């Protein structure tokens, strides 16, 4: 069982959360090309190692938070 530490509710089972994707910088809406928007919306790096991710606590406080997680071991490094 994987446990994620919610900054507001404490450690909870991963089934209480929804993965909201890798944290990526949003392009400037005024100057971004269609190619940049496509890359922002659909393309992900999927690296092996520590990744900054967005999660949503659906069964608890219903808030988004950022998590640094090692994708190779599922070890959580930091939560914001």
N, C-alpha and C. Protein backbone atom coordinates (compact mmCIF):
# COMPACT_ATOMS: atom_id res chain seq x y z
N UNK A 1 0.84 -1.17 0.00
CA UNK A 1 0.00 0.00 0.00
C UNK A 1 0.89 1.24 0.00
N UNK A 2 0.58 2.18 -0.87
CA UNK A 2 1.33 3.43 -0.96
C UNK A 2 0.59 4.49 -0.16
N UNK A 3 1.32 5.21 0.67
CA UNK A 3 0.75 6.30 1.45
C UNK A 3 1.33 7.62 0.95
N UNK A 4 0.46 8.62 0.80
CA UNK A 4 0.89 9.95 0.42
C UNK A 4 0.63 10.90 1.58
N UNK A 5 1.57 11.81 1.86
CA UNK A 5 1.38 12.75 2.96
C UNK A 5 0.66 14.01 2.49
N UNK A 6 -0.62 14.15 2.83
CA UNK A 6 -1.35 15.37 2.53
C UNK A 6 -0.88 16.45 3.50
N UNK A 7 -0.54 17.65 3.02
CA UNK A 7 -0.07 18.70 3.92
C UNK A 7 -1.11 19.12 4.97
N UNK A 8 -2.40 18.89 4.70
CA UNK A 8 -3.45 19.31 5.62
C UNK A 8 -4.02 18.16 6.44
N UNK A 9 -4.11 16.96 5.87
CA UNK A 9 -4.77 15.82 6.54
C UNK A 9 -3.78 14.79 7.09
N UNK A 10 -2.51 14.87 6.70
CA UNK A 10 -1.53 13.87 7.13
C UNK A 10 -1.46 12.70 6.17
N UNK A 11 -0.74 11.64 6.53
CA UNK A 11 -0.57 10.48 5.64
C UNK A 11 -1.89 9.75 5.40
N UNK A 12 -2.17 9.45 4.12
CA UNK A 12 -3.39 8.75 3.74
C UNK A 12 -3.06 7.76 2.63
N UNK A 13 -3.95 6.78 2.44
CA UNK A 13 -3.82 5.80 1.38
C UNK A 13 -3.93 6.49 0.02
N UNK A 14 -3.17 6.03 -0.95
CA UNK A 14 -3.14 6.66 -2.28
C UNK A 14 -4.50 6.62 -2.97
N UNK A 15 -5.39 5.71 -2.58
CA UNK A 15 -6.71 5.63 -3.20
C UNK A 15 -7.58 6.85 -2.89
N UNK A 16 -7.20 7.65 -1.90
CA UNK A 16 -7.95 8.87 -1.57
C UNK A 16 -7.59 10.05 -2.47
N UNK A 17 -6.58 9.87 -3.33
CA UNK A 17 -6.06 10.98 -4.13
C UNK A 17 -6.29 10.76 -5.61
N UNK A 18 -6.21 11.85 -6.36
CA UNK A 18 -6.24 11.80 -7.83
C UNK A 18 -4.95 12.43 -8.34
N UNK A 19 -4.26 11.72 -9.21
CA UNK A 19 -3.05 12.23 -9.83
C UNK A 19 -3.44 13.30 -10.84
N UNK A 20 -2.82 14.48 -10.73
CA UNK A 20 -3.17 15.59 -11.62
C UNK A 20 -2.04 15.93 -12.59
N UNK A 21 -1.03 15.08 -12.69
CA UNK A 21 0.00 15.26 -13.69
C UNK A 21 1.29 15.89 -13.19
N UNK A 22 2.29 15.83 -14.06
CA UNK A 22 3.57 16.47 -13.77
C UNK A 22 3.39 17.97 -13.69
N UNK A 23 4.17 18.58 -12.86
CA UNK A 23 4.13 20.05 -12.76
C UNK A 23 5.03 20.61 -13.87
N UNK A 24 4.42 21.33 -14.80
CA UNK A 24 5.17 21.92 -15.92
C UNK A 24 4.85 23.41 -16.00
N UNK A 25 5.80 24.20 -16.45
CA UNK A 25 5.54 25.64 -16.57
C UNK A 25 4.52 25.92 -17.69
N UNK A 26 3.56 26.77 -17.38
CA UNK A 26 2.51 27.12 -18.35
C UNK A 26 3.04 28.17 -19.32
N UNK A 27 2.82 27.98 -20.63
CA UNK A 27 3.26 28.98 -21.59
C UNK A 27 2.44 30.27 -21.49
N UNK A 28 3.00 31.37 -21.94
CA UNK A 28 2.31 32.66 -21.94
C UNK A 28 1.19 32.62 -22.98
N UNK A 29 -0.07 32.81 -22.57
CA UNK A 29 -1.19 32.73 -23.51
C UNK A 29 -1.10 33.73 -24.66
N UNK A 30 -0.46 34.88 -24.44
CA UNK A 30 -0.38 35.89 -25.48
C UNK A 30 0.64 35.60 -26.57
N UNK A 31 1.64 34.82 -26.26
CA UNK A 31 2.72 34.59 -27.23
C UNK A 31 2.94 33.13 -27.59
N UNK A 32 2.23 32.20 -26.96
CA UNK A 32 2.45 30.77 -27.21
C UNK A 32 1.92 30.35 -28.58
N UNK A 33 2.65 29.49 -29.23
CA UNK A 33 2.24 28.94 -30.52
C UNK A 33 1.36 27.71 -30.26
N UNK A 34 0.61 27.25 -31.27
CA UNK A 34 -0.16 26.01 -31.10
C UNK A 34 0.72 24.82 -30.73
N UNK A 35 1.92 24.77 -31.24
CA UNK A 35 2.84 23.68 -30.91
C UNK A 35 3.22 23.70 -29.43
N UNK A 36 3.46 24.90 -28.87
CA UNK A 36 3.79 25.02 -27.45
C UNK A 36 2.61 24.62 -26.58
N UNK A 37 1.38 25.01 -26.97
CA UNK A 37 0.20 24.60 -26.21
C UNK A 37 0.01 23.10 -26.25
N UNK A 38 0.20 22.50 -27.41
CA UNK A 38 0.06 21.04 -27.56
C UNK A 38 1.04 20.32 -26.66
N UNK A 39 2.28 20.80 -26.64
CA UNK A 39 3.31 20.18 -25.78
C UNK A 39 2.95 20.33 -24.30
N UNK A 40 2.44 21.51 -23.92
CA UNK A 40 2.06 21.75 -22.53
C UNK A 40 0.90 20.84 -22.11
N UNK A 41 -0.09 20.67 -22.97
CA UNK A 41 -1.27 19.91 -22.61
C UNK A 41 -1.12 18.40 -22.70
N UNK A 42 -0.31 17.91 -23.65
CA UNK A 42 -0.33 16.48 -23.92
C UNK A 42 1.00 15.74 -23.74
N UNK A 43 2.12 16.41 -23.82
CA UNK A 43 3.40 15.71 -23.77
C UNK A 43 4.00 15.75 -22.38
N UNK A 44 4.41 14.61 -21.88
CA UNK A 44 5.05 14.50 -20.57
C UNK A 44 6.39 13.81 -20.72
N UNK A 45 7.31 14.15 -19.82
CA UNK A 45 8.67 13.60 -19.91
C UNK A 45 8.74 12.15 -19.44
N UNK A 46 8.03 11.79 -18.36
CA UNK A 46 8.01 10.45 -17.79
C UNK A 46 9.42 9.94 -17.43
N UNK A 47 10.19 10.72 -16.65
CA UNK A 47 11.55 10.30 -16.31
C UNK A 47 11.57 9.27 -15.18
N UNK A 48 12.67 8.59 -15.06
CA UNK A 48 12.91 7.70 -13.94
C UNK A 48 13.73 8.49 -12.92
N UNK A 49 13.15 8.76 -11.76
CA UNK A 49 13.82 9.56 -10.75
C UNK A 49 12.82 10.48 -10.07
N UNK A 50 13.31 11.53 -9.43
CA UNK A 50 12.45 12.44 -8.69
C UNK A 50 11.71 13.37 -9.65
N UNK A 51 10.38 13.42 -9.50
CA UNK A 51 9.51 14.21 -10.36
C UNK A 51 8.62 15.08 -9.48
N UNK A 52 8.37 16.31 -9.91
CA UNK A 52 7.44 17.21 -9.22
C UNK A 52 6.05 16.99 -9.80
N UNK A 53 5.09 16.57 -8.96
CA UNK A 53 3.77 16.19 -9.43
C UNK A 53 2.69 16.98 -8.70
N UNK A 54 1.53 17.12 -9.34
CA UNK A 54 0.35 17.71 -8.72
C UNK A 54 -0.61 16.57 -8.34
N UNK A 55 -1.15 16.65 -7.13
CA UNK A 55 -2.12 15.67 -6.64
C UNK A 55 -3.31 16.41 -6.06
N UNK A 56 -4.49 15.76 -6.08
CA UNK A 56 -5.72 16.32 -5.53
C UNK A 56 -6.28 15.34 -4.51
N UNK A 57 -6.57 15.81 -3.31
CA UNK A 57 -7.09 14.95 -2.24
C UNK A 57 -8.61 14.88 -2.35
N UNK A 58 -9.12 13.93 -3.10
CA UNK A 58 -10.55 13.82 -3.39
C UNK A 58 -11.37 13.37 -2.19
N UNK A 59 -10.83 12.50 -1.35
CA UNK A 59 -11.60 11.94 -0.23
C UNK A 59 -11.30 12.64 1.09
N UNK A 60 -10.63 13.77 1.04
CA UNK A 60 -10.29 14.47 2.27
C UNK A 60 -10.57 15.95 2.17
N UNK A 61 -9.52 16.75 2.19
CA UNK A 61 -9.66 18.21 2.24
C UNK A 61 -10.02 18.83 0.90
N UNK A 62 -9.95 18.06 -0.18
CA UNK A 62 -10.28 18.53 -1.53
C UNK A 62 -9.41 19.71 -1.96
N UNK A 63 -8.13 19.57 -1.72
CA UNK A 63 -7.16 20.60 -2.12
C UNK A 63 -6.09 19.98 -3.01
N UNK A 64 -5.52 20.83 -3.88
CA UNK A 64 -4.38 20.43 -4.68
C UNK A 64 -3.11 20.68 -3.90
N UNK A 65 -2.09 19.85 -4.13
CA UNK A 65 -0.78 20.08 -3.53
C UNK A 65 0.29 19.50 -4.45
N UNK A 66 1.52 19.95 -4.23
CA UNK A 66 2.66 19.51 -5.02
C UNK A 66 3.46 18.50 -4.23
N UNK A 67 3.89 17.45 -4.91
CA UNK A 67 4.61 16.36 -4.27
C UNK A 67 5.86 16.05 -5.09
N UNK A 68 7.01 15.90 -4.45
CA UNK A 68 8.22 15.41 -5.11
C UNK A 68 8.31 13.93 -4.81
N UNK A 69 8.22 13.09 -5.87
CA UNK A 69 8.19 11.65 -5.69
C UNK A 69 9.21 10.99 -6.61
N UNK A 70 9.90 9.98 -6.08
CA UNK A 70 10.83 9.19 -6.88
C UNK A 70 10.02 8.14 -7.62
N UNK A 71 9.97 8.21 -8.94
CA UNK A 71 9.15 7.30 -9.72
C UNK A 71 9.69 5.88 -9.74
N UNK A 72 10.96 5.69 -9.43
CA UNK A 72 11.54 4.35 -9.41
C UNK A 72 11.13 3.58 -8.15
N UNK A 73 11.04 4.27 -7.01
CA UNK A 73 10.75 3.59 -5.74
C UNK A 73 9.45 4.04 -5.09
N UNK A 74 8.76 5.02 -5.64
CA UNK A 74 7.56 5.64 -5.07
C UNK A 74 7.81 6.31 -3.73
N UNK A 75 9.05 6.60 -3.41
CA UNK A 75 9.38 7.27 -2.16
C UNK A 75 9.07 8.76 -2.31
N UNK A 76 8.38 9.33 -1.32
CA UNK A 76 8.04 10.74 -1.33
C UNK A 76 9.19 11.53 -0.70
N UNK A 77 9.66 12.53 -1.42
CA UNK A 77 10.80 13.33 -0.96
C UNK A 77 10.36 14.61 -0.26
N UNK A 78 9.31 15.28 -0.78
CA UNK A 78 8.87 16.56 -0.24
C UNK A 78 7.42 16.82 -0.65
N UNK A 79 6.69 17.52 0.20
CA UNK A 79 5.30 17.89 -0.08
C UNK A 79 5.14 19.38 0.16
N UNK A 80 4.42 20.04 -0.78
CA UNK A 80 4.11 21.49 -0.61
C UNK A 80 2.65 21.69 -0.90
